[in-house]
Amino acid sequence: MKNENILLLNKIITAKSSKLGFEIMKPAHSGTVVSILRSEDWHLFREIRSPIVPYLSLQMSICVENKAVRSLIFPSPIIINSGNVGQFVRLPIL
């Protein structure tokens, strides 16, 4: 894809993501960030809250390839730690 098209796409993603409540993070393929698409150009996060149901965390991965733009939206994986393990693992009391 041409460089000017990528710059225009960056402006569109930045403007529309803020209107939709997404937070943009430039992917760093190291540390605690694990990219599903190793060639992604943008990584976005959104937490949807409702008084009726539990909140839903979403992530979006966007990458540009030749003449195409690929996007994948998926729920954020839950990280189990000592503070929330009881919500997921129920051990019988002996």
N, C-alpha and C. Protein backbone atom coordinates (compact mmCIF):
# COMPACT_ATOMS: atom_id res chain seq x y z
N MET A 1 0.85 -1.18 0.00
CA MET A 1 0.00 0.00 0.00
C MET A 1 0.90 1.24 0.00
N LYS A 2 0.45 2.26 -0.70
CA LYS A 2 1.25 3.48 -0.78
C LYS A 2 1.36 4.16 0.57
N ASN A 3 2.46 4.86 0.77
CA ASN A 3 2.73 5.52 2.04
C ASN A 3 1.67 6.56 2.39
N GLU A 4 1.20 7.33 1.40
CA GLU A 4 0.17 8.34 1.69
C GLU A 4 -1.16 7.70 2.09
N ASN A 5 -1.44 6.50 1.55
CA ASN A 5 -2.65 5.78 1.95
C ASN A 5 -2.55 5.29 3.40
N ILE A 6 -1.37 4.86 3.80
CA ILE A 6 -1.17 4.42 5.18
C ILE A 6 -1.31 5.59 6.15
N LEU A 7 -0.79 6.76 5.75
CA LEU A 7 -0.93 7.95 6.60
C LEU A 7 -2.40 8.35 6.73
N LEU A 8 -3.14 8.28 5.62
CA LEU A 8 -4.57 8.59 5.66
C LEU A 8 -5.32 7.57 6.53
N LEU A 9 -4.98 6.31 6.38
CA LEU A 9 -5.60 5.27 7.20
C LEU A 9 -5.30 5.48 8.68
N ASN A 10 -4.10 5.92 9.00
CA ASN A 10 -3.74 6.21 10.39
C ASN A 10 -4.62 7.34 10.95
N LYS A 11 -4.86 8.38 10.15
CA LYS A 11 -5.74 9.48 10.59
C LYS A 11 -7.16 8.98 10.82
N ILE A 12 -7.66 8.14 9.92
CA ILE A 12 -9.03 7.61 10.05
C ILE A 12 -9.15 6.74 11.30
N ILE A 13 -8.20 5.84 11.50
CA ILE A 13 -8.25 4.95 12.66
C ILE A 13 -8.16 5.74 13.95
N THR A 14 -7.29 6.74 14.00
CA THR A 14 -7.15 7.57 15.20
C THR A 14 -8.43 8.32 15.51
N ALA A 15 -9.04 8.93 14.49
CA ALA A 15 -10.27 9.71 14.70
C ALA A 15 -11.45 8.82 15.08
N LYS A 16 -11.66 7.74 14.34
CA LYS A 16 -12.83 6.88 14.58
C LYS A 16 -12.69 6.07 15.87
N SER A 17 -11.47 5.67 16.21
CA SER A 17 -11.30 4.87 17.43
C SER A 17 -11.64 5.69 18.67
N SER A 18 -11.26 6.97 18.68
CA SER A 18 -11.60 7.80 19.84
C SER A 18 -13.10 8.03 19.94
N LYS A 19 -13.78 8.17 18.80
CA LYS A 19 -15.24 8.33 18.82
C LYS A 19 -15.94 7.08 19.33
N LEU A 20 -15.37 5.91 19.05
CA LEU A 20 -15.97 4.65 19.48
C LEU A 20 -15.46 4.18 20.84
N GLY A 21 -14.56 4.93 21.45
CA GLY A 21 -14.07 4.60 22.78
C GLY A 21 -12.93 3.61 22.82
N PHE A 22 -12.28 3.37 21.69
CA PHE A 22 -11.13 2.47 21.67
C PHE A 22 -9.86 3.22 22.05
N GLU A 23 -8.98 2.54 22.73
CA GLU A 23 -7.67 3.08 23.08
C GLU A 23 -6.65 2.42 22.16
N ILE A 24 -5.83 3.23 21.50
CA ILE A 24 -4.85 2.69 20.55
C ILE A 24 -3.53 2.44 21.27
N MET A 25 -2.95 1.29 20.97
CA MET A 25 -1.63 0.98 21.48
C MET A 25 -0.79 0.48 20.31
N LYS A 26 0.35 1.06 20.09
CA LYS A 26 1.24 0.58 19.05
C LYS A 26 1.82 -0.74 19.53
N PRO A 27 1.64 -1.81 18.75
CA PRO A 27 2.09 -3.12 19.23
C PRO A 27 3.60 -3.22 19.40
N ALA A 28 3.98 -3.74 20.53
CA ALA A 28 5.39 -4.05 20.80
C ALA A 28 5.44 -5.55 20.99
N HIS A 29 6.08 -6.23 20.10
CA HIS A 29 6.06 -7.69 20.12
C HIS A 29 7.05 -8.25 21.15
N SER A 30 6.90 -7.78 22.38
CA SER A 30 7.78 -8.26 23.44
C SER A 30 7.11 -8.01 24.78
N GLY A 31 7.72 -8.48 25.82
CA GLY A 31 7.19 -8.25 27.16
C GLY A 31 5.85 -8.94 27.37
N THR A 32 4.88 -8.20 27.88
CA THR A 32 3.58 -8.79 28.18
C THR A 32 2.61 -8.71 27.02
N VAL A 33 2.98 -8.04 25.93
CA VAL A 33 2.10 -7.92 24.77
C VAL A 33 2.39 -9.05 23.81
N VAL A 34 1.36 -9.86 23.54
CA VAL A 34 1.49 -10.95 22.59
C VAL A 34 0.56 -10.66 21.43
N SER A 35 1.11 -10.48 20.26
CA SER A 35 0.33 -10.15 19.08
C SER A 35 -0.19 -11.41 18.42
N ILE A 36 -1.48 -11.43 18.09
CA ILE A 36 -2.03 -12.56 17.34
C ILE A 36 -1.55 -12.48 15.90
N LEU A 37 -1.59 -11.28 15.35
CA LEU A 37 -1.07 -11.06 14.00
C LEU A 37 0.28 -10.38 14.14
N ARG A 38 1.35 -11.08 13.88
CA ARG A 38 2.69 -10.53 14.10
C ARG A 38 2.96 -9.29 13.25
N SER A 39 2.23 -9.13 12.18
CA SER A 39 2.47 -7.98 11.30
C SER A 39 1.49 -6.85 11.54
N GLU A 40 0.82 -6.83 12.70
CA GLU A 40 -0.20 -5.81 12.92
C GLU A 40 0.41 -4.41 13.00
N ASP A 41 -0.35 -3.44 12.52
CA ASP A 41 0.09 -2.06 12.52
C ASP A 41 -0.57 -1.25 13.64
N TRP A 42 -1.76 -1.65 14.07
CA TRP A 42 -2.46 -0.99 15.18
C TRP A 42 -3.08 -2.06 16.07
N HIS A 43 -3.10 -1.77 17.37
CA HIS A 43 -3.76 -2.65 18.34
C HIS A 43 -4.63 -1.75 19.21
N LEU A 44 -5.92 -2.07 19.31
CA LEU A 44 -6.87 -1.22 20.04
C LEU A 44 -7.55 -2.01 21.15
N PHE A 45 -7.93 -1.30 22.20
CA PHE A 45 -8.62 -1.90 23.35
C PHE A 45 -9.92 -1.14 23.60
N ARG A 46 -10.95 -1.87 24.08
CA ARG A 46 -12.22 -1.23 24.44
C ARG A 46 -12.86 -2.06 25.53
N GLU A 47 -13.33 -1.40 26.56
CA GLU A 47 -14.05 -2.07 27.65
C GLU A 47 -15.49 -1.59 27.62
N ILE A 48 -16.42 -2.51 27.41
CA ILE A 48 -17.84 -2.17 27.34
C ILE A 48 -18.47 -2.51 28.69
N ARG A 49 -19.07 -1.51 29.32
CA ARG A 49 -19.70 -1.70 30.63
C ARG A 49 -21.21 -1.56 30.50
N SER A 50 -21.93 -2.37 31.28
CA SER A 50 -23.39 -2.34 31.28
C SER A 50 -23.87 -2.62 32.71
N PRO A 51 -24.96 -1.96 33.13
CA PRO A 51 -25.49 -2.26 34.47
C PRO A 51 -26.19 -3.61 34.53
N ILE A 52 -26.45 -4.21 33.39
CA ILE A 52 -27.22 -5.46 33.34
C ILE A 52 -26.34 -6.70 33.33
N VAL A 53 -25.24 -6.64 32.58
CA VAL A 53 -24.36 -7.81 32.43
C VAL A 53 -22.93 -7.42 32.81
N PRO A 54 -22.06 -8.40 33.07
CA PRO A 54 -20.66 -8.09 33.37
C PRO A 54 -20.00 -7.37 32.20
N TYR A 55 -18.93 -6.63 32.49
CA TYR A 55 -18.25 -5.88 31.44
C TYR A 55 -17.60 -6.83 30.44
N LEU A 56 -17.38 -6.31 29.24
CA LEU A 56 -16.75 -7.08 28.18
C LEU A 56 -15.55 -6.30 27.66
N SER A 57 -14.37 -6.90 27.74
CA SER A 57 -13.16 -6.29 27.21
C SER A 57 -12.91 -6.82 25.80
N LEU A 58 -12.72 -5.90 24.86
CA LEU A 58 -12.46 -6.28 23.48
C LEU A 58 -11.10 -5.76 23.04
N GLN A 59 -10.51 -6.45 22.10
CA GLN A 59 -9.28 -5.99 21.46
C GLN A 59 -9.48 -6.05 19.95
N MET A 60 -8.80 -5.16 19.24
CA MET A 60 -8.87 -5.16 17.78
C MET A 60 -7.45 -5.06 17.24
N SER A 61 -7.17 -5.89 16.27
CA SER A 61 -5.87 -5.88 15.61
C SER A 61 -6.11 -5.48 14.16
N ILE A 62 -5.34 -4.50 13.67
CA ILE A 62 -5.46 -4.03 12.29
C ILE A 62 -4.09 -4.09 11.64
N CYS A 63 -4.03 -4.66 10.43
CA CYS A 63 -2.78 -4.68 9.70
C CYS A 63 -3.03 -4.41 8.22
N VAL A 64 -2.03 -3.83 7.58
CA VAL A 64 -2.09 -3.49 6.17
C VAL A 64 -1.19 -4.45 5.42
N GLU A 65 -1.75 -5.07 4.37
CA GLU A 65 -0.99 -5.99 3.54
C GLU A 65 -1.24 -5.66 2.08
N ASN A 66 -0.20 -5.30 1.36
CA ASN A 66 -0.30 -4.96 -0.06
C ASN A 66 -1.47 -4.01 -0.33
N LYS A 67 -2.56 -4.51 -0.90
CA LYS A 67 -3.71 -3.66 -1.22
C LYS A 67 -4.90 -3.95 -0.32
N ALA A 68 -4.68 -4.55 0.82
CA ALA A 68 -5.78 -4.94 1.70
C ALA A 68 -5.51 -4.49 3.14
N VAL A 69 -6.61 -4.30 3.88
CA VAL A 69 -6.54 -4.01 5.31
C VAL A 69 -7.27 -5.15 6.01
N ARG A 70 -6.59 -5.77 6.98
CA ARG A 70 -7.19 -6.89 7.71
C ARG A 70 -7.42 -6.46 9.15
N SER A 71 -8.62 -6.77 9.65
CA SER A 71 -8.96 -6.42 11.03
C SER A 71 -9.57 -7.63 11.73
N LEU A 72 -9.20 -7.78 12.98
CA LEU A 72 -9.70 -8.89 13.78
C LEU A 72 -10.12 -8.33 15.13
N ILE A 73 -11.39 -8.54 15.50
CA ILE A 73 -11.89 -8.12 16.81
C ILE A 73 -12.11 -9.39 17.63
N PHE A 74 -11.61 -9.39 18.87
CA PHE A 74 -11.73 -10.57 19.71
C PHE A 74 -11.84 -10.16 21.17
N PRO A 75 -12.47 -11.00 22.00
CA PRO A 75 -12.55 -10.68 23.44
C PRO A 75 -11.17 -10.80 24.08
N SER A 76 -10.88 -9.92 25.02
CA SER A 76 -9.61 -9.98 25.73
C SER A 76 -9.57 -11.24 26.59
N PRO A 77 -8.46 -11.93 26.56
CA PRO A 77 -8.35 -13.11 27.44
C PRO A 77 -8.30 -12.68 28.90
N ILE A 78 -8.90 -13.48 29.73
CA ILE A 78 -8.93 -13.20 31.17
C ILE A 78 -7.63 -13.71 31.78
N ILE A 79 -6.98 -12.87 32.57
CA ILE A 79 -5.77 -13.26 33.25
C ILE A 79 -6.15 -13.67 34.67
N ILE A 80 -5.90 -14.91 35.00
CA ILE A 80 -6.24 -15.43 36.32
C ILE A 80 -5.08 -15.17 37.26
N ASN A 81 -5.39 -14.56 38.40
CA ASN A 81 -4.37 -14.29 39.41
C ASN A 81 -4.92 -14.69 40.77
N SER A 82 -4.16 -14.49 41.83
CA SER A 82 -4.58 -14.93 43.16
C SER A 82 -5.83 -14.19 43.64
N GLY A 83 -6.09 -12.99 43.12
CA GLY A 83 -7.27 -12.23 43.55
C GLY A 83 -8.56 -12.69 42.91
N ASN A 84 -8.52 -13.29 41.72
CA ASN A 84 -9.76 -13.69 41.05
C ASN A 84 -9.86 -15.18 40.77
N VAL A 85 -8.92 -15.96 41.25
CA VAL A 85 -8.91 -17.38 40.96
C VAL A 85 -10.20 -18.07 41.43
N GLY A 86 -10.79 -17.60 42.50
CA GLY A 86 -12.02 -18.21 43.02
C GLY A 86 -13.20 -18.08 42.08
N GLN A 87 -13.19 -17.10 41.18
CA GLN A 87 -14.26 -16.93 40.22
C GLN A 87 -14.21 -17.97 39.11
N PHE A 88 -13.04 -18.59 38.89
CA PHE A 88 -12.87 -19.48 37.78
C PHE A 88 -12.63 -20.94 38.18
N VAL A 89 -11.96 -21.13 39.31
CA VAL A 89 -11.61 -22.47 39.76
C VAL A 89 -12.33 -22.75 41.06
N ARG A 90 -13.16 -23.75 41.07
CA ARG A 90 -13.90 -24.13 42.27
C ARG A 90 -13.36 -25.50 42.75
N LEU A 91 -12.64 -25.47 43.84
CA LEU A 91 -12.11 -26.71 44.39
C LEU A 91 -13.04 -27.21 45.48
N PRO A 92 -13.32 -28.49 45.48
CA PRO A 92 -14.18 -29.04 46.55
C PRO A 92 -13.49 -28.97 47.90
N ILE A 93 -14.25 -28.66 48.92
CA ILE A 93 -13.70 -28.64 50.28
C ILE A 93 -13.77 -30.03 50.85
N LEU A 94 -12.65 -30.56 51.29
CA LEU A 94 -12.60 -31.94 51.82
C LEU A 94 -12.78 -31.97 53.29
